[in-house]
C-alpha cells in the first residue's frame, strides 16, 4: 500500500492527539514501542516540511469549560484525582514527541480536536488538504476528529500502530473496519516508506 501513497508536504498536517505523558502511561500497552513509532513519524514529517500539530486536553482551574450534562468530562470535573492527569508533567505532551519549536500546540476541552478550537482556522490558513492522524484513544479523539475531518473534505490518513485504546476489540474494529471505509489506514513503517 505504501508505494501508492503520496502527499504534498506543504499541504499536509500530522496531528499527534492526546499523547500527553499521563495518557500515554495509561493507554499504551507497549509504551516504548508506541513512543518510538510516533516519534519517528513526527521527525520524518518535520524533515519533509509537513505541519506538525499537537492536540492536548486541558482545562482552566475549576474546569469552567465542562458542563454537568457532559458525562465524560463531568467525571473529570468531579474528581480531583482525574484532574491531575491534565496538569503539570502528566498533562504535558510526552517529551519524546515534542513539541519542537516549529510545532503548533492546540488545547481542546472536548473529545474532537475541532470542537471549540482554532484547528480549522490554522488548517485553512496553511492551505492544508491532507491530515495524517494518530493518538489516544482510538475510540475517542481519533474517531471524533477523523469523522469531522472527513465531513470537512480533508483527505484523511490514520496511522494505526500509533493509536491506542483501552478496549482492544473496539480499537481493532475501528482500525480494521470503520476507518478504511472513509479514508486510508497505514502503519508507521508504511508512512516512513511513503514519505521517502
Protein backbone atom coordinates (compact mmCIF):
# COMPACT_ATOMS: atom_id res chain seq x y z
CA UNK A 1 0.00 0.00 0.00
CA UNK A 2 2.76 2.48 0.93
CA UNK A 3 4.15 2.66 -2.60
CA UNK A 4 0.82 4.11 -3.82
CA UNK A 5 0.70 6.75 -1.12
CA UNK A 6 1.95 10.27 -1.68
CA UNK A 7 1.38 13.66 -0.11
CA UNK A 8 2.26 17.24 -0.87
CA UNK A 9 4.21 18.07 2.30
CA UNK A 10 3.28 21.75 2.07
CA UNK A 11 -0.42 20.83 2.19
CA UNK A 12 -0.18 18.05 4.77
CA UNK A 13 -0.50 18.22 8.55
CA UNK A 14 0.31 15.48 11.02
CA UNK A 15 -1.86 15.58 14.14
CA UNK A 16 -0.49 13.93 17.26
CA UNK A 17 -3.55 13.83 19.50
CA UNK A 18 -3.78 13.49 23.29
CA UNK A 19 -0.29 12.00 23.52
CA UNK A 20 0.21 13.50 26.95
CA UNK A 21 2.52 11.79 29.42
CA UNK A 22 -0.20 10.61 31.79
CA UNK A 23 -2.49 9.42 29.00
CA UNK A 24 0.30 7.51 27.24
CA UNK A 25 1.22 5.78 30.52
CA UNK A 26 -2.36 4.54 30.96
CA UNK A 27 -3.34 3.65 27.40
CA UNK A 28 -0.21 2.46 25.58
CA UNK A 29 0.41 -1.19 26.47
CA UNK A 30 3.83 -1.10 24.78
CA UNK A 31 4.74 2.45 25.80
CA UNK A 32 8.29 2.38 24.42
CA UNK A 33 7.21 0.94 21.07
CA UNK A 34 4.29 3.37 20.78
CA UNK A 35 6.51 6.37 21.53
CA UNK A 36 9.27 5.20 19.17
CA UNK A 37 6.82 4.79 16.27
CA UNK A 38 5.07 8.10 16.94
CA UNK A 39 8.39 9.97 17.33
CA UNK A 40 9.68 8.54 14.03
CA UNK A 41 6.53 9.70 12.23
CA UNK A 42 6.81 13.21 13.67
CA UNK A 43 10.52 13.52 12.93
CA UNK A 44 10.03 12.41 9.34
CA UNK A 45 7.09 14.79 8.92
CA UNK A 46 9.15 17.70 10.26
CA UNK A 47 12.02 16.76 7.96
CA UNK A 48 9.70 16.88 4.97
CA UNK A 49 8.28 20.24 5.96
CA UNK A 50 4.86 18.95 6.95
CA UNK A 51 2.96 20.91 9.58
CA UNK A 52 3.09 19.09 12.93
CA UNK A 53 0.23 19.85 15.31
CA UNK A 54 -0.06 18.53 18.85
CA UNK A 55 -3.57 18.34 20.23
CA UNK A 56 -3.80 18.19 24.01
CA UNK A 57 -6.63 18.06 26.53
CA UNK A 58 -6.54 20.86 29.07
CA UNK A 59 -8.79 22.89 31.32
CA UNK A 60 -8.79 26.14 33.26
CA UNK A 61 -8.81 25.94 37.08
CA UNK A 62 -12.22 24.76 38.17
CA UNK A 63 -12.97 23.38 34.66
CA UNK A 64 -15.48 26.10 33.63
CA UNK A 65 -15.50 24.57 30.13
CA UNK A 66 -17.22 21.42 31.41
CA UNK A 67 -20.99 21.08 31.72
CA UNK A 68 -22.58 18.64 34.15
CA UNK A 69 -24.50 17.33 31.12
CA UNK A 70 -21.26 16.08 29.53
CA UNK A 71 -20.91 12.67 31.17
CA UNK A 72 -17.31 12.06 30.06
CA UNK A 73 -15.81 15.37 31.14
CA UNK A 74 -18.13 15.84 34.14
CA UNK A 75 -16.47 12.73 35.60
CA UNK A 76 -13.14 14.57 35.35
CA UNK A 77 -14.60 17.75 36.83
CA UNK A 78 -15.94 15.79 39.79
CA UNK A 79 -12.64 14.04 40.54
CA UNK A 80 -9.54 15.89 41.70
CA UNK A 81 -7.59 12.68 41.03
CA UNK A 82 -8.67 12.63 37.36
CA UNK A 83 -7.89 16.34 37.01
CA UNK A 84 -4.25 15.67 37.91
CA UNK A 85 -3.94 13.71 34.67
CA UNK A 86 -4.24 17.01 32.78
CA UNK A 87 -1.99 19.15 34.98
CA UNK A 88 1.77 19.59 35.23
CA UNK A 89 4.06 16.85 33.90
CA UNK A 90 1.29 14.24 33.39
CA UNK A 91 -0.73 16.74 31.33
CA UNK A 92 2.20 17.79 29.15
CA UNK A 93 2.84 16.39 25.69
CA UNK A 94 5.16 13.42 26.11
CA UNK A 95 8.74 14.76 25.82
CA UNK A 96 9.67 12.05 23.31
CA UNK A 97 7.18 13.60 20.87
CA UNK A 98 7.67 17.31 21.32
CA UNK A 99 6.67 19.92 20.92
CA UNK A 100 9.57 21.23 18.85
CA UNK A 101 9.87 24.99 18.21
CA UNK A 102 8.17 24.81 14.80
CA UNK A 103 5.28 22.62 16.02
CA UNK A 104 1.83 24.01 16.78
CA UNK A 105 0.08 23.13 20.05
CA UNK A 106 -3.70 23.30 20.40
CA UNK A 107 -5.53 22.75 23.68
CA UNK A 108 -9.01 21.28 23.46
CA UNK A 109 -11.77 20.84 26.02
CA UNK A 110 -13.81 18.17 24.24
CA UNK A 111 -13.13 14.83 22.53
CA UNK A 112 -12.69 16.09 18.96
CA UNK A 113 -9.67 18.18 18.00
CA UNK A 114 -12.01 20.51 16.09
CA UNK A 115 -14.70 21.24 18.68
CA UNK A 116 -14.12 24.67 20.23
CA UNK A 117 -10.55 25.06 18.96
CA UNK A 118 -8.85 27.08 16.23
CA UNK A 119 -7.63 23.94 14.42
CA UNK A 120 -9.78 24.54 11.35
CA UNK A 121 -8.61 28.15 11.07
CA UNK A 122 -4.95 27.05 11.20
CA UNK A 123 -5.52 24.35 8.59
CA UNK A 124 -7.26 26.82 6.26
CA UNK A 125 -4.54 29.43 6.75
CA UNK A 126 -1.89 26.86 5.85
CA UNK A 127 -3.97 25.53 2.92
CA UNK A 128 -3.84 22.00 4.32
CA UNK A 129 -5.63 19.31 2.33
CA UNK A 130 -4.37 16.09 3.92
CA UNK A 131 -4.50 15.19 7.61
CA UNK A 132 -2.41 12.34 8.98
CA UNK A 133 -3.82 11.39 12.37
CA UNK A 134 -2.78 9.33 15.34
CA UNK A 135 -3.39 9.41 19.06
CA UNK A 136 -5.09 8.19 22.18
CA UNK A 137 -7.78 6.97 22.35
CA UNK A 138 -8.77 5.38 19.07
CA UNK A 139 -12.43 5.42 20.12
CA UNK A 140 -12.14 8.99 21.41
CA UNK A 141 -10.11 11.74 19.78
CA UNK A 142 -9.08 9.67 16.74
CA UNK A 143 -12.63 8.64 15.87
CA UNK A 144 -14.18 12.05 16.56
CA UNK A 145 -11.51 14.02 14.70
CA UNK A 146 -11.45 11.55 11.82
CA UNK A 147 -15.21 11.87 11.27
CA UNK A 148 -15.17 15.68 11.41
CA UNK A 149 -12.16 15.87 9.10
CA UNK A 150 -13.84 13.65 6.51
CA UNK A 151 -17.01 15.73 6.67
CA UNK A 152 -14.88 18.85 6.09
CA UNK A 153 -13.45 17.25 2.92
CA UNK A 154 -9.91 16.65 4.15
CA UNK A 155 -8.04 13.66 2.81
CA UNK A 156 -7.56 11.61 5.99
CA UNK A 157 -4.93 9.02 6.85
CA UNK A 158 -4.81 7.19 10.20
CA UNK A 159 -1.56 5.65 11.42
CA UNK A 160 -2.88 2.51 13.06
CA UNK A 161 0.05 1.48 15.23
CA UNK A 162 0.34 4.99 16.67
CA UNK A 163 -3.19 4.72 18.07
CA UNK A 164 -4.15 3.11 21.37
CA UNK A 165 -7.33 2.32 23.27
CA UNK A 166 -8.16 0.52 26.50
CA UNK A 167 -10.75 -1.54 24.59
CA UNK A 168 -8.68 -3.71 22.24
CA UNK A 169 -11.74 -5.10 20.45
CA UNK A 170 -13.16 -1.65 19.75
CA UNK A 171 -9.72 -0.41 18.62
CA UNK A 172 -9.46 -3.30 16.14
CA UNK A 173 -12.99 -2.75 14.84
CA UNK A 174 -12.31 0.93 14.17
CA UNK A 175 -8.87 0.39 12.61
CA UNK A 176 -9.81 -2.65 10.53
CA UNK A 177 -13.44 -1.99 9.62
CA UNK A 178 -14.64 1.60 10.04
CA UNK A 179 -11.65 3.83 9.26
CA UNK A 180 -10.70 2.11 5.95
CA UNK A 181 -14.23 2.76 4.61
CA UNK A 182 -13.74 6.53 4.80
CA UNK A 183 -10.04 7.01 4.26
CA UNK A 184 -6.63 5.40 4.42
CA UNK A 185 -5.19 3.36 7.28
CA UNK A 186 -1.46 2.63 7.32
CA UNK A 187 1.30 1.68 9.74
CA UNK A 188 4.12 3.94 10.87
CA UNK A 189 6.51 1.93 8.71
CA UNK A 190 4.27 2.47 5.67
CA UNK A 191 4.20 6.18 6.36
CA UNK A 192 8.01 6.31 6.58
CA UNK A 193 8.33 4.32 3.34
CA UNK A 194 5.81 6.53 1.54
CA UNK A 195 7.45 9.69 2.84
CA UNK A 196 10.82 8.89 1.23
